[in-house]
Amino acid sequence: MLTMLVDLLEKNENGLSLSEISRAMNAQPSAVLSMIELLVKRGKLLEIGPDGQCCTVCDLQSDCNLLVARGKRYVSVKSLFGE
């Protein structure tokens, strides 16, 4: 399932939200979120905001109105940086 998740995000340059990933994988959001968190920790995925900026390096993450309204998106590091 982890490989399937990474492959899915490599095909979507603009990233996908948790709900979009869950639908595409036909899996519960809680299960998908656990996989996402693991892949973010391993450096395979990045959390980005709806504006395409990287949330993990932003000091305003806790006060971001855009994140509250639209939520985070996730993108493959490989598709973003060509690794």
N, C-alpha and C. Protein backbone atom coordinates (compact mmCIF):
# COMPACT_ATOMS: atom_id res chain seq x y z
N MET A 1 0.81 -1.20 0.00
CA MET A 1 0.00 0.00 0.00
C MET A 1 0.86 1.26 0.00
N LEU A 2 2.00 1.24 0.68
CA LEU A 2 2.87 2.41 0.69
C LEU A 2 3.37 2.74 -0.71
N THR A 3 3.76 1.72 -1.45
CA THR A 3 4.24 1.93 -2.82
C THR A 3 3.12 2.49 -3.69
N MET A 4 1.91 1.99 -3.50
CA MET A 4 0.76 2.47 -4.25
C MET A 4 0.51 3.95 -3.97
N LEU A 5 0.65 4.34 -2.72
CA LEU A 5 0.46 5.73 -2.32
C LEU A 5 1.51 6.63 -2.95
N VAL A 6 2.77 6.23 -2.89
CA VAL A 6 3.85 7.02 -3.49
C VAL A 6 3.65 7.12 -5.00
N ASP A 7 3.30 6.02 -5.65
CA ASP A 7 3.05 6.02 -7.10
C ASP A 7 1.92 6.98 -7.46
N LEU A 8 0.86 6.97 -6.68
CA LEU A 8 -0.27 7.85 -6.92
C LEU A 8 0.16 9.31 -6.86
N LEU A 9 0.95 9.66 -5.87
CA LEU A 9 1.38 11.05 -5.71
C LEU A 9 2.44 11.45 -6.73
N GLU A 10 3.23 10.51 -7.21
CA GLU A 10 4.21 10.82 -8.25
C GLU A 10 3.51 11.20 -9.56
N LYS A 11 2.30 10.70 -9.76
CA LYS A 11 1.54 10.99 -10.97
C LYS A 11 0.76 12.30 -10.88
N ASN A 12 0.71 12.90 -9.70
CA ASN A 12 -0.05 14.13 -9.48
C ASN A 12 0.88 15.22 -8.98
N GLU A 13 1.43 15.99 -9.90
CA GLU A 13 2.44 17.00 -9.57
C GLU A 13 1.95 18.04 -8.57
N ASN A 14 0.65 18.35 -8.58
CA ASN A 14 0.12 19.37 -7.68
C ASN A 14 -0.28 18.81 -6.33
N GLY A 15 -0.05 17.51 -6.14
CA GLY A 15 -0.39 16.88 -4.88
C GLY A 15 -1.87 16.57 -4.77
N LEU A 16 -2.21 15.85 -3.73
CA LEU A 16 -3.59 15.46 -3.46
C LEU A 16 -3.89 15.66 -1.99
N SER A 17 -5.15 15.91 -1.69
CA SER A 17 -5.58 16.02 -0.30
C SER A 17 -5.79 14.63 0.28
N LEU A 18 -5.96 14.57 1.58
CA LEU A 18 -6.21 13.29 2.25
C LEU A 18 -7.47 12.63 1.69
N SER A 19 -8.52 13.40 1.50
CA SER A 19 -9.76 12.81 0.98
C SER A 19 -9.60 12.32 -0.45
N GLU A 20 -8.85 13.04 -1.27
CA GLU A 20 -8.61 12.61 -2.65
C GLU A 20 -7.80 11.31 -2.69
N ILE A 21 -6.80 11.22 -1.82
CA ILE A 21 -5.98 10.01 -1.76
C ILE A 21 -6.82 8.83 -1.26
N SER A 22 -7.61 9.06 -0.23
CA SER A 22 -8.46 8.00 0.32
C SER A 22 -9.42 7.45 -0.73
N ARG A 23 -10.03 8.35 -1.50
CA ARG A 23 -10.94 7.92 -2.57
C ARG A 23 -10.21 7.12 -3.62
N ALA A 24 -9.06 7.62 -4.06
CA ALA A 24 -8.29 6.95 -5.12
C ALA A 24 -7.82 5.57 -4.69
N MET A 25 -7.51 5.42 -3.40
CA MET A 25 -7.00 4.14 -2.90
C MET A 25 -8.11 3.26 -2.33
N ASN A 26 -9.34 3.81 -2.28
CA ASN A 26 -10.47 3.10 -1.70
C ASN A 26 -10.14 2.61 -0.29
N ALA A 27 -9.64 3.55 0.53
CA ALA A 27 -9.21 3.24 1.89
C ALA A 27 -9.72 4.30 2.85
N GLN A 28 -9.82 3.93 4.11
CA GLN A 28 -10.26 4.86 5.15
C GLN A 28 -9.23 5.98 5.33
N PRO A 29 -9.69 7.23 5.50
CA PRO A 29 -8.77 8.34 5.71
C PRO A 29 -7.80 8.13 6.87
N SER A 30 -8.24 7.50 7.94
CA SER A 30 -7.35 7.29 9.09
C SER A 30 -6.20 6.36 8.73
N ALA A 31 -6.46 5.33 7.93
CA ALA A 31 -5.40 4.42 7.49
C ALA A 31 -4.44 5.13 6.55
N VAL A 32 -5.00 5.93 5.64
CA VAL A 32 -4.17 6.68 4.69
C VAL A 32 -3.31 7.70 5.42
N LEU A 33 -3.89 8.38 6.40
CA LEU A 33 -3.13 9.38 7.16
C LEU A 33 -1.94 8.75 7.87
N SER A 34 -2.10 7.57 8.41
CA SER A 34 -0.98 6.88 9.06
C SER A 34 0.14 6.60 8.07
N MET A 35 -0.23 6.16 6.87
CA MET A 35 0.78 5.90 5.83
C MET A 35 1.45 7.20 5.40
N ILE A 36 0.67 8.25 5.25
CA ILE A 36 1.22 9.55 4.85
C ILE A 36 2.23 10.04 5.89
N GLU A 37 1.85 9.96 7.16
CA GLU A 37 2.74 10.43 8.23
C GLU A 37 4.07 9.66 8.22
N LEU A 38 4.00 8.36 8.00
CA LEU A 38 5.21 7.55 7.92
C LEU A 38 6.08 7.98 6.74
N LEU A 39 5.46 8.20 5.59
CA LEU A 39 6.21 8.58 4.39
C LEU A 39 6.77 9.99 4.48
N VAL A 40 6.09 10.88 5.20
CA VAL A 40 6.62 12.23 5.43
C VAL A 40 7.86 12.14 6.32
N LYS A 41 7.78 11.32 7.37
CA LYS A 41 8.94 11.14 8.27
C LYS A 41 10.13 10.54 7.55
N ARG A 42 9.87 9.65 6.60
CA ARG A 42 10.95 9.01 5.83
C ARG A 42 11.47 9.89 4.70
N GLY A 43 10.85 11.05 4.49
CA GLY A 43 11.31 11.97 3.46
C GLY A 43 10.83 11.64 2.05
N LYS A 44 9.82 10.80 1.93
CA LYS A 44 9.29 10.42 0.62
C LYS A 44 8.20 11.37 0.15
N LEU A 45 7.48 11.97 1.12
CA LEU A 45 6.39 12.90 0.81
C LEU A 45 6.59 14.21 1.54
N LEU A 46 6.00 15.26 1.00
CA LEU A 46 5.99 16.57 1.66
C LEU A 46 4.56 17.01 1.85
N GLU A 47 4.32 17.71 2.97
CA GLU A 47 3.04 18.36 3.18
C GLU A 47 3.14 19.74 2.53
N ILE A 48 2.15 20.07 1.73
CA ILE A 48 2.12 21.41 1.15
C ILE A 48 0.76 22.03 1.44
N GLY A 49 0.72 23.32 1.44
CA GLY A 49 -0.54 24.02 1.62
C GLY A 49 -1.28 24.11 0.30
N PRO A 50 -2.51 24.57 0.34
CA PRO A 50 -3.30 24.71 -0.88
C PRO A 50 -2.67 25.66 -1.90
N ASP A 51 -1.78 26.53 -1.43
CA ASP A 51 -1.11 27.47 -2.33
C ASP A 51 0.16 26.89 -2.93
N GLY A 52 0.49 25.62 -2.58
CA GLY A 52 1.68 24.97 -3.13
C GLY A 52 2.94 25.18 -2.33
N GLN A 53 2.86 25.91 -1.23
CA GLN A 53 4.02 26.14 -0.39
C GLN A 53 4.18 25.00 0.61
N CYS A 54 5.39 24.75 1.03
CA CYS A 54 5.69 23.64 1.94
C CYS A 54 5.31 24.02 3.38
N CYS A 55 4.37 23.29 3.96
CA CYS A 55 3.88 23.59 5.31
C CYS A 55 4.91 23.29 6.40
N THR A 56 5.74 22.31 6.19
CA THR A 56 6.64 21.88 7.25
C THR A 56 7.72 22.91 7.58
N VAL A 57 7.97 23.86 6.70
CA VAL A 57 8.99 24.87 6.97
C VAL A 57 8.39 26.22 7.33
N CYS A 58 7.08 26.31 7.38
CA CYS A 58 6.41 27.58 7.64
C CYS A 58 6.13 27.74 9.13
N ASP A 59 6.54 28.88 9.70
CA ASP A 59 6.30 29.16 11.11
C ASP A 59 4.84 29.53 11.39
N LEU A 60 4.09 29.84 10.37
CA LEU A 60 2.70 30.27 10.55
C LEU A 60 1.69 29.14 10.38
N GLN A 61 2.17 27.92 10.32
CA GLN A 61 1.31 26.77 10.07
C GLN A 61 0.12 26.70 11.03
N SER A 62 0.34 26.99 12.29
CA SER A 62 -0.75 26.88 13.28
C SER A 62 -1.79 28.00 13.14
N ASP A 63 -1.44 29.10 12.48
CA ASP A 63 -2.36 30.22 12.30
C ASP A 63 -2.82 30.40 10.86
N CYS A 64 -2.61 29.42 10.01
CA CYS A 64 -2.87 29.56 8.58
C CYS A 64 -4.36 29.41 8.26
N ASN A 65 -4.99 30.48 7.83
CA ASN A 65 -6.40 30.44 7.45
C ASN A 65 -6.62 29.62 6.20
N LEU A 66 -5.67 29.63 5.30
CA LEU A 66 -5.77 28.86 4.06
C LEU A 66 -5.81 27.36 4.36
N LEU A 67 -4.99 26.91 5.31
CA LEU A 67 -5.01 25.50 5.70
C LEU A 67 -6.33 25.12 6.35
N VAL A 68 -6.87 26.01 7.15
CA VAL A 68 -8.15 25.73 7.81
C VAL A 68 -9.25 25.58 6.76
N ALA A 69 -9.23 26.44 5.76
CA ALA A 69 -10.29 26.43 4.74
C ALA A 69 -10.14 25.28 3.76
N ARG A 70 -8.92 24.98 3.34
CA ARG A 70 -8.73 24.01 2.26
C ARG A 70 -7.95 22.76 2.65
N GLY A 71 -7.24 22.79 3.74
CA GLY A 71 -6.50 21.62 4.19
C GLY A 71 -5.17 21.43 3.48
N LYS A 72 -4.40 20.51 4.01
CA LYS A 72 -3.08 20.21 3.45
C LYS A 72 -3.20 19.32 2.23
N ARG A 73 -2.17 19.37 1.42
CA ARG A 73 -2.03 18.49 0.29
C ARG A 73 -0.71 17.77 0.45
N TYR A 74 -0.56 16.67 -0.21
CA TYR A 74 0.66 15.88 -0.09
C TYR A 74 1.21 15.64 -1.49
N VAL A 75 2.53 15.72 -1.59
CA VAL A 75 3.21 15.57 -2.87
C VAL A 75 4.43 14.69 -2.70
N SER A 76 4.76 13.95 -3.74
CA SER A 76 5.94 13.11 -3.73
C SER A 76 7.18 13.97 -3.88
N VAL A 77 8.19 13.71 -3.06
CA VAL A 77 9.46 14.43 -3.16
C VAL A 77 10.08 14.18 -4.53
N LYS A 78 9.95 12.97 -5.02
CA LYS A 78 10.53 12.61 -6.32
C LYS A 78 9.92 13.44 -7.45
N SER A 79 8.61 13.62 -7.44
CA SER A 79 7.97 14.40 -8.50
C SER A 79 8.26 15.89 -8.36
N LEU A 80 8.49 16.33 -7.12
CA LEU A 80 8.76 17.74 -6.87
C LEU A 80 10.19 18.12 -7.22
N PHE A 81 11.15 17.27 -6.83
CA PHE A 81 12.56 17.58 -7.01
C PHE A 81 13.27 16.70 -8.03
N GLY A 82 12.54 15.75 -8.60
CA GLY A 82 13.12 14.88 -9.61
C GLY A 82 14.16 13.91 -9.07
N GLU A 83 14.02 13.51 -7.83
CA GLU A 83 14.98 12.58 -7.22
C GLU A 83 14.71 11.17 -7.64
